[in-house]
Amino acid sequence: MPWVTINLLAGRSSEKKCKLHEAVARAVYETLEIPADRVHVQLVDMKEEDYSVSGVSFDKQSK
């Protein structure tokens, strides 16, 4: 039973997230040739201040 977790910056619409859920699940079950109901996808929204590269939070990098 595959579990896929995707961390992304917050701000995307529910419609975009739904499309991502569907596309990721489809890619997994078609590639692994398993039933669709075996695939779990979790999207984790992150605030810009909770993500950093090289020690600098994204909210400060994007300015």
N, C-alpha and C. Protein backbone atom coordinates (compact mmCIF):
# COMPACT_ATOMS: atom_id res chain seq x y z
N MET A 1 0.84 -1.17 0.00
CA MET A 1 0.00 0.00 0.00
C MET A 1 0.89 1.24 0.00
N PRO A 2 1.07 1.90 -1.14
CA PRO A 2 1.92 3.09 -1.22
C PRO A 2 1.28 4.30 -0.54
N TRP A 3 2.14 5.05 0.15
CA TRP A 3 1.77 6.33 0.76
C TRP A 3 2.66 7.40 0.14
N VAL A 4 2.06 8.42 -0.45
CA VAL A 4 2.81 9.50 -1.08
C VAL A 4 2.50 10.78 -0.31
N THR A 5 3.55 11.46 0.14
CA THR A 5 3.39 12.74 0.81
C THR A 5 4.09 13.82 0.00
N ILE A 6 3.37 14.90 -0.27
CA ILE A 6 3.93 16.01 -1.04
C ILE A 6 3.83 17.27 -0.18
N ASN A 7 4.98 17.87 0.09
CA ASN A 7 5.02 19.15 0.80
C ASN A 7 5.06 20.26 -0.24
N LEU A 8 4.18 21.25 -0.07
CA LEU A 8 4.17 22.37 -1.00
C LEU A 8 3.79 23.64 -0.26
N LEU A 9 4.20 24.75 -0.83
CA LEU A 9 3.87 26.03 -0.21
C LEU A 9 2.37 26.26 -0.30
N ALA A 10 1.80 26.78 0.76
CA ALA A 10 0.36 27.02 0.84
C ALA A 10 -0.08 28.05 -0.20
N GLY A 11 -1.37 27.98 -0.52
CA GLY A 11 -1.94 29.00 -1.39
C GLY A 11 -2.61 28.47 -2.64
N ARG A 12 -2.55 27.18 -2.88
CA ARG A 12 -3.20 26.64 -4.07
C ARG A 12 -4.67 26.36 -3.78
N SER A 13 -5.48 26.45 -4.80
CA SER A 13 -6.92 26.24 -4.66
C SER A 13 -7.23 24.76 -4.43
N SER A 14 -8.43 24.51 -3.91
CA SER A 14 -8.89 23.14 -3.72
C SER A 14 -8.96 22.40 -5.05
N GLU A 15 -9.32 23.11 -6.11
CA GLU A 15 -9.40 22.48 -7.42
C GLU A 15 -8.03 22.00 -7.89
N LYS A 16 -7.00 22.82 -7.70
CA LYS A 16 -5.64 22.44 -8.09
C LYS A 16 -5.17 21.24 -7.27
N LYS A 17 -5.47 21.25 -5.97
CA LYS A 17 -5.07 20.14 -5.11
C LYS A 17 -5.78 18.86 -5.52
N CYS A 18 -7.04 18.95 -5.87
CA CYS A 18 -7.80 17.78 -6.31
C CYS A 18 -7.18 17.18 -7.57
N LYS A 19 -6.81 18.03 -8.52
CA LYS A 19 -6.15 17.56 -9.74
C LYS A 19 -4.83 16.88 -9.43
N LEU A 20 -4.08 17.44 -8.49
CA LEU A 20 -2.80 16.85 -8.10
C LEU A 20 -3.01 15.50 -7.44
N HIS A 21 -3.99 15.41 -6.52
CA HIS A 21 -4.32 14.13 -5.89
C HIS A 21 -4.60 13.07 -6.95
N GLU A 22 -5.44 13.40 -7.90
CA GLU A 22 -5.84 12.46 -8.94
C GLU A 22 -4.66 12.05 -9.82
N ALA A 23 -3.85 13.01 -10.23
CA ALA A 23 -2.72 12.72 -11.12
C ALA A 23 -1.66 11.86 -10.44
N VAL A 24 -1.37 12.17 -9.19
CA VAL A 24 -0.36 11.40 -8.46
C VAL A 24 -0.87 9.98 -8.23
N ALA A 25 -2.10 9.85 -7.76
CA ALA A 25 -2.66 8.52 -7.53
C ALA A 25 -2.66 7.70 -8.81
N ARG A 26 -3.07 8.30 -9.91
CA ARG A 26 -3.11 7.59 -11.20
C ARG A 26 -1.71 7.13 -11.60
N ALA A 27 -0.73 8.01 -11.46
CA ALA A 27 0.65 7.64 -11.82
C ALA A 27 1.13 6.45 -11.00
N VAL A 28 0.78 6.44 -9.72
CA VAL A 28 1.24 5.35 -8.85
C VAL A 28 0.52 4.05 -9.18
N TYR A 29 -0.82 4.06 -9.25
CA TYR A 29 -1.50 2.79 -9.48
C TYR A 29 -1.28 2.24 -10.88
N GLU A 30 -1.12 3.10 -11.87
CA GLU A 30 -0.83 2.60 -13.22
C GLU A 30 0.58 2.05 -13.32
N THR A 31 1.54 2.73 -12.71
CA THR A 31 2.93 2.28 -12.76
C THR A 31 3.12 0.98 -11.99
N LEU A 32 2.52 0.89 -10.81
CA LEU A 32 2.70 -0.29 -9.97
C LEU A 32 1.70 -1.40 -10.29
N GLU A 33 0.72 -1.08 -11.15
CA GLU A 33 -0.32 -2.03 -11.53
C GLU A 33 -1.02 -2.59 -10.31
N ILE A 34 -1.56 -1.67 -9.51
CA ILE A 34 -2.30 -2.03 -8.30
C ILE A 34 -3.66 -1.35 -8.33
N PRO A 35 -4.60 -1.80 -7.50
CA PRO A 35 -5.90 -1.13 -7.45
C PRO A 35 -5.76 0.31 -6.95
N ALA A 36 -6.55 1.19 -7.52
CA ALA A 36 -6.50 2.61 -7.16
C ALA A 36 -6.75 2.83 -5.67
N ASP A 37 -7.61 2.00 -5.07
CA ASP A 37 -7.94 2.22 -3.66
C ASP A 37 -6.81 1.82 -2.70
N ARG A 38 -5.69 1.37 -3.23
CA ARG A 38 -4.53 1.05 -2.40
C ARG A 38 -3.57 2.23 -2.28
N VAL A 39 -3.80 3.28 -3.06
CA VAL A 39 -2.88 4.42 -3.11
C VAL A 39 -3.38 5.55 -2.20
N HIS A 40 -2.49 6.01 -1.33
CA HIS A 40 -2.81 7.11 -0.42
C HIS A 40 -1.93 8.30 -0.77
N VAL A 41 -2.54 9.47 -0.91
CA VAL A 41 -1.79 10.69 -1.24
C VAL A 41 -2.13 11.74 -0.18
N GLN A 42 -1.09 12.36 0.37
CA GLN A 42 -1.26 13.41 1.36
C GLN A 42 -0.55 14.67 0.86
N LEU A 43 -1.27 15.78 0.82
CA LEU A 43 -0.67 17.07 0.50
C LEU A 43 -0.52 17.86 1.80
N VAL A 44 0.67 18.39 2.02
CA VAL A 44 0.96 19.15 3.23
C VAL A 44 1.28 20.58 2.84
N ASP A 45 0.40 21.51 3.21
CA ASP A 45 0.64 22.93 2.96
C ASP A 45 1.63 23.47 3.99
N MET A 46 2.64 24.17 3.52
CA MET A 46 3.63 24.77 4.40
C MET A 46 3.56 26.29 4.26
N LYS A 47 3.67 26.97 5.38
CA LYS A 47 3.78 28.43 5.33
C LYS A 47 5.19 28.77 4.86
N GLU A 48 5.33 29.88 4.16
CA GLU A 48 6.64 30.27 3.63
C GLU A 48 7.69 30.39 4.72
N GLU A 49 7.30 30.83 5.92
CA GLU A 49 8.29 30.98 6.99
C GLU A 49 8.70 29.63 7.59
N ASP A 50 8.00 28.55 7.22
CA ASP A 50 8.34 27.22 7.75
C ASP A 50 9.24 26.42 6.81
N TYR A 51 9.67 27.01 5.71
CA TYR A 51 10.49 26.33 4.71
C TYR A 51 11.73 27.17 4.46
N SER A 52 12.89 26.53 4.42
CA SER A 52 14.11 27.30 4.16
C SER A 52 15.05 26.54 3.23
N VAL A 53 15.91 27.30 2.58
CA VAL A 53 17.00 26.78 1.76
C VAL A 53 18.25 27.50 2.22
N SER A 54 19.28 26.75 2.52
CA SER A 54 20.55 27.32 2.99
C SER A 54 20.36 28.19 4.23
N GLY A 55 19.39 27.83 5.07
CA GLY A 55 19.18 28.54 6.32
C GLY A 55 18.38 29.81 6.23
N VAL A 56 17.86 30.13 5.04
CA VAL A 56 17.07 31.35 4.86
C VAL A 56 15.64 30.93 4.52
N SER A 57 14.67 31.39 5.33
CA SER A 57 13.29 31.00 5.10
C SER A 57 12.80 31.54 3.75
N PHE A 58 11.87 30.80 3.17
CA PHE A 58 11.39 31.13 1.83
C PHE A 58 10.73 32.50 1.78
N ASP A 59 10.06 32.89 2.86
CA ASP A 59 9.40 34.20 2.85
C ASP A 59 10.41 35.33 2.72
N LYS A 60 11.62 35.13 3.21
CA LYS A 60 12.66 36.15 3.08
C LYS A 60 13.35 36.05 1.71
N GLN A 61 13.45 34.85 1.15
CA GLN A 61 14.08 34.67 -0.15
C GLN A 61 13.25 35.25 -1.28
N SER A 62 11.94 35.15 -1.16
CA SER A 62 11.07 35.55 -2.27
C SER A 62 10.88 37.06 -2.35
N LYS A 63 11.45 37.80 -1.41
CA LYS A 63 11.28 39.26 -1.45
C LYS A 63 12.44 39.93 -2.15
